[in-house]
Amino acid sequence: MEVKKPNEISSEQHTLFVRTYPESKKLIDRKRNLYEIKPKYKVYTLYIERFKELKRGLHSVFNELRLASKNDILELRINSGGGSVDEGIQFYNFMHEKFHKRTVAYLDSHGYSMGALIFCMAKKRVVYPYSDLMFHNYASTVSGKGGELKSRLKHRDKLLRSFFRDMIVNRGFLTKKEFDEMVIGKDFWMDVKEMCKRGIATHVVYNSKEIKAKKYLQILKNSMDD
């Protein structure tokens, strides 16, 4: 397995590693001598912190990720308190373009605000027993000519509400009523049990094994019954 060092393919807040796996084959029918061939592929592992790039931006990270083929996988390791919504939307657009249904997110510690939304964007979402997540409404500032401020703020609010709704309501992670409460200021804090119940987490790393969220909930229920 070849590992590419981060150096020039990292940003100020995020670090990218690239691992290359060789072609492999698995025997599926010994009598007919049939094998399943898995072509060479790469796993792009991106460690995500705050969405607040002030110096280098995300250019080098996205440029490297754009080299991905249709067999490659994007793996996100999230420990983020959030940050810029614009950077989060950049990630969403890129993931949708280059890694559609080929993303795995690990909530290594916590994901708040945009960190939570990035976690929700992945196809497979893995948590740990003490992972922590929080949804809340965006914070924003608007600058410009006096006559433009009202229309610009209205446009921005409409865009971001639609984005937030698509990420967490249309996927069933918050109800419409909860979303309305979030818009007017309520924070939604969730532990692993709540993330599993809502479908936010699809898998849990438990006792060194990755198990499905439903199985983890059953384990918790059995422990309560004992």
Protein backbone atom coordinates (compact mmCIF):
# COMPACT_ATOMS: atom_id res chain seq x y z
CA MET A 1 0.00 0.00 0.00
CA GLU A 2 1.38 3.38 -1.03
CA VAL A 3 0.81 6.38 1.24
CA LYS A 4 1.11 9.94 -0.02
CA LYS A 5 2.29 12.41 2.63
CA PRO A 6 0.14 15.47 3.36
CA ASN A 7 2.71 18.32 2.99
CA GLU A 8 1.52 20.34 -0.02
CA ILE A 9 -1.96 18.79 -0.14
CA SER A 10 -3.14 20.14 3.20
CA SER A 11 -4.78 23.41 4.10
CA GLU A 12 -4.50 25.55 7.20
CA GLN A 13 -7.34 23.74 9.02
CA HIS A 14 -7.58 20.38 7.26
CA THR A 15 -5.06 17.61 6.52
CA LEU A 16 -5.32 15.22 3.58
CA PHE A 17 -3.67 11.81 3.29
CA VAL A 18 -3.86 9.58 0.22
CA ARG A 19 -3.49 5.79 0.35
CA THR A 20 -3.28 3.71 -2.81
CA TYR A 21 -4.45 0.08 -2.77
CA PRO A 22 -3.38 -2.37 -5.48
CA GLU A 23 -5.73 -4.45 -7.61
CA SER A 24 -7.01 -7.51 -5.75
CA LYS A 25 -9.06 -10.59 -6.53
CA LYS A 26 -11.31 -12.81 -4.45
CA LEU A 27 -12.30 -16.38 -5.26
CA ILE A 28 -16.08 -16.67 -5.56
CA ASP A 29 -16.50 -20.04 -7.32
CA ARG A 30 -13.70 -22.59 -7.02
CA LYS A 31 -15.27 -25.14 -9.39
CA ARG A 32 -15.63 -22.65 -12.20
CA ASN A 33 -12.45 -20.82 -11.22
CA LEU A 34 -14.31 -17.49 -10.98
CA TYR A 35 -12.79 -14.48 -9.24
CA GLU A 36 -14.14 -11.08 -8.27
CA ILE A 37 -11.62 -8.48 -9.41
CA LYS A 38 -11.32 -5.26 -7.43
CA PRO A 39 -9.39 -2.64 -9.41
CA LYS A 40 -6.69 -0.42 -8.00
CA TYR A 41 -8.17 2.45 -5.99
CA LYS A 42 -7.31 5.26 -3.60
CA VAL A 43 -8.71 6.30 -0.24
CA TYR A 44 -8.53 10.04 0.39
CA THR A 45 -8.60 10.65 4.14
CA LEU A 46 -9.35 14.24 5.11
CA TYR A 47 -9.06 15.33 8.75
CA ILE A 48 -11.52 18.17 9.29
CA GLU A 49 -11.25 20.88 11.94
CA ARG A 50 -12.67 24.42 11.76
CA PHE A 51 -14.08 25.82 8.53
CA LYS A 52 -12.08 29.02 8.65
CA GLU A 53 -9.36 29.11 6.05
CA LEU A 54 -7.55 32.45 6.21
CA LYS A 55 -4.26 31.81 4.41
CA ARG A 56 -3.95 28.99 1.89
CA GLY A 57 -7.60 28.25 1.37
CA LEU A 58 -8.81 24.86 0.14
CA HIS A 59 -7.29 25.05 -3.33
CA SER A 60 -4.54 22.46 -2.85
CA VAL A 61 -6.93 20.04 -1.10
CA PHE A 62 -9.63 20.25 -3.76
CA ASN A 63 -7.07 20.12 -6.58
CA GLU A 64 -5.72 16.84 -5.22
CA LEU A 65 -9.20 15.42 -4.70
CA ARG A 66 -10.15 16.27 -8.29
CA LEU A 67 -7.63 13.67 -9.42
CA ALA A 68 -9.87 10.95 -7.95
CA SER A 69 -11.23 8.22 -10.19
CA LYS A 70 -14.70 6.64 -10.10
CA ASN A 71 -13.38 3.83 -7.87
CA ASP A 72 -11.81 6.06 -5.21
CA ILE A 73 -13.29 6.73 -1.77
CA LEU A 74 -13.43 9.89 0.36
CA GLU A 75 -13.03 9.33 4.09
CA LEU A 76 -13.74 12.25 6.43
CA ARG A 77 -12.41 12.31 10.01
CA ILE A 78 -14.39 14.99 11.82
CA ASN A 79 -13.44 16.88 14.98
CA SER A 80 -14.99 20.25 14.24
CA GLY A 81 -16.76 23.07 16.02
CA GLY A 82 -18.01 24.41 12.70
CA GLY A 83 -17.17 27.69 11.01
CA SER A 84 -17.81 29.15 7.58
CA VAL A 85 -21.02 28.01 5.89
CA ASP A 86 -19.55 28.93 2.51
CA GLU A 87 -16.67 26.49 2.98
CA GLY A 88 -19.16 23.81 4.04
CA ILE A 89 -21.18 24.37 0.86
CA GLN A 90 -17.94 24.06 -1.12
CA PHE A 91 -17.42 20.64 0.47
CA TYR A 92 -20.99 19.59 -0.27
CA ASN A 93 -20.77 20.60 -3.94
CA PHE A 94 -17.45 18.83 -4.33
CA MET A 95 -18.59 15.64 -2.60
CA HIS A 96 -21.71 15.56 -4.77
CA GLU A 97 -19.65 16.06 -7.93
CA LYS A 98 -16.67 13.73 -7.38
CA PHE A 99 -17.58 11.24 -4.63
CA HIS A 100 -21.32 10.68 -4.97
CA LYS A 101 -22.30 7.74 -2.69
CA ARG A 102 -18.60 7.01 -2.07
CA THR A 103 -18.10 8.94 1.16
CA VAL A 104 -17.54 7.70 4.70
CA ALA A 105 -17.51 10.07 7.69
CA TYR A 106 -16.15 9.29 11.16
CA LEU A 107 -17.20 11.52 14.05
CA ASP A 108 -13.87 11.19 15.85
CA SER A 109 -14.91 13.53 18.64
CA HIS A 110 -17.49 16.22 17.98
CA GLY A 111 -19.30 17.84 15.09
CA TYR A 112 -21.08 21.11 15.80
CA SER A 113 -22.82 23.48 13.36
CA MET A 114 -21.13 23.03 9.95
CA GLY A 115 -19.13 20.13 11.40
CA ALA A 116 -22.46 18.36 12.01
CA LEU A 117 -23.72 19.11 8.49
CA ILE A 118 -20.53 17.77 6.91
CA PHE A 119 -21.01 14.55 8.86
CA CYS A 120 -24.60 14.30 7.59
CA MET A 121 -23.44 14.69 3.97
CA ALA A 122 -21.66 11.32 3.90
CA LYS A 123 -23.27 8.13 2.65
CA LYS A 124 -21.91 6.08 5.57
CA ARG A 125 -21.69 7.81 8.96
CA VAL A 126 -19.71 6.22 11.78
CA VAL A 127 -19.66 7.33 15.43
CA TYR A 128 -18.03 6.24 18.68
CA PRO A 129 -19.69 5.78 22.12
CA TYR A 130 -18.75 9.34 23.18
CA SER A 131 -19.13 11.18 19.89
CA ASP A 132 -21.07 14.43 20.16
CA LEU A 133 -23.16 16.37 17.63
CA MET A 134 -25.05 19.66 17.57
CA PHE A 135 -27.33 21.39 15.04
CA HIS A 136 -28.08 25.11 15.21
CA ASN A 137 -28.93 27.93 12.85
CA TYR A 138 -26.24 29.77 10.94
CA ALA A 139 -24.65 33.05 12.02
CA SER A 140 -23.98 35.59 9.31
CA THR A 141 -22.99 39.17 8.58
CA VAL A 142 -23.89 41.19 5.53
CA SER A 143 -22.03 44.20 4.18
CA GLY A 144 -22.60 46.42 1.19
CA LYS A 145 -24.42 49.52 0.06
CA GLY A 146 -27.26 50.65 2.29
CA GLY A 147 -29.94 50.11 -0.34
CA GLU A 148 -28.72 46.58 -1.06
CA LEU A 149 -28.52 45.20 2.48
CA LYS A 150 -32.15 44.16 2.88
CA SER A 151 -32.40 42.31 -0.45
CA ARG A 152 -29.00 40.71 0.05
CA LEU A 153 -29.92 39.50 3.55
CA LYS A 154 -33.24 38.12 2.26
CA HIS A 155 -31.50 36.27 -0.58
CA ARG A 156 -28.84 34.86 1.75
CA ASP A 157 -31.38 33.68 4.31
CA LYS A 158 -33.45 31.92 1.64
CA LEU A 159 -30.38 30.16 0.23
CA LEU A 160 -29.03 28.98 3.58
CA ARG A 161 -32.41 27.87 4.94
CA SER A 162 -32.85 25.73 1.83
CA PHE A 163 -29.36 24.25 2.29
CA PHE A 164 -29.89 23.47 5.99
CA ARG A 165 -33.33 21.99 5.28
CA ASP A 166 -31.92 19.72 2.59
CA MET A 167 -29.11 18.49 4.86
CA ILE A 168 -31.12 17.70 7.99
CA VAL A 169 -34.90 17.83 7.44
CA ASN A 170 -35.28 16.18 4.05
CA ARG A 171 -33.06 13.36 5.33
CA GLY A 172 -35.21 12.88 8.43
CA PHE A 173 -32.63 13.99 11.00
CA LEU A 174 -34.85 16.79 12.37
CA THR A 175 -38.61 17.17 12.05
CA LYS A 176 -40.08 20.26 10.38
CA LYS A 177 -41.20 21.49 13.79
CA GLU A 178 -37.71 21.04 15.22
CA PHE A 179 -36.23 22.83 12.23
CA ASP A 180 -38.53 25.80 12.82
CA GLU A 181 -37.38 25.85 16.45
CA MET A 182 -33.76 25.70 15.30
CA VAL A 183 -34.29 28.66 12.94
CA ILE A 184 -35.44 30.87 15.84
CA GLY A 185 -32.49 29.92 18.04
CA LYS A 186 -32.80 26.45 19.60
CA ASP A 187 -29.71 24.22 19.66
CA PHE A 188 -30.13 20.46 19.22
CA TRP A 189 -27.50 18.45 21.10
CA MET A 190 -27.27 14.74 20.42
CA ASP A 191 -25.37 11.87 21.96
CA VAL A 192 -24.66 8.60 20.19
CA LYS A 193 -27.94 6.98 21.22
CA GLU A 194 -29.94 9.88 19.79
CA MET A 195 -27.89 9.91 16.58
CA CYS A 196 -28.55 6.20 16.10
CA LYS A 197 -32.30 6.55 16.77
CA ARG A 198 -32.63 9.36 14.23
CA GLY A 199 -30.58 7.63 11.55
CA ILE A 200 -27.85 10.27 11.67
CA ALA A 201 -25.34 7.56 12.56
CA THR A 202 -25.39 4.43 10.39
CA HIS A 203 -22.62 2.58 12.27
CA VAL A 204 -20.91 2.62 15.67
CA VAL A 205 -17.40 1.53 16.59
CA TYR A 206 -17.99 -0.59 19.70
CA ASN A 207 -15.42 -2.85 21.40
CA SER A 208 -13.06 -2.38 18.44
CA LYS A 209 -15.70 -3.52 15.96
CA GLU A 210 -17.83 -1.51 13.55
CA ILE A 211 -21.47 -2.50 13.98
CA LYS A 212 -24.73 -1.16 12.58
CA ALA A 213 -26.54 1.53 14.54
CA LYS A 214 -29.61 -0.70 15.09
CA LYS A 215 -27.44 -3.37 16.66
CA TYR A 216 -25.83 -0.81 18.96
CA LEU A 217 -29.26 0.37 20.10
CA GLN A 218 -30.17 -3.23 20.87
CA ILE A 219 -27.00 -3.62 22.93
CA LEU A 220 -27.91 -0.51 24.92
CA LYS A 221 -31.44 -1.82 25.45
CA ASN A 222 -30.16 -5.20 26.65
CA SER A 223 -27.76 -3.53 29.08
CA MET A 224 -30.65 -1.53 30.54
CA ASP A 225 -32.72 -4.70 30.94
CA ASP A 226 -29.98 -6.55 32.82
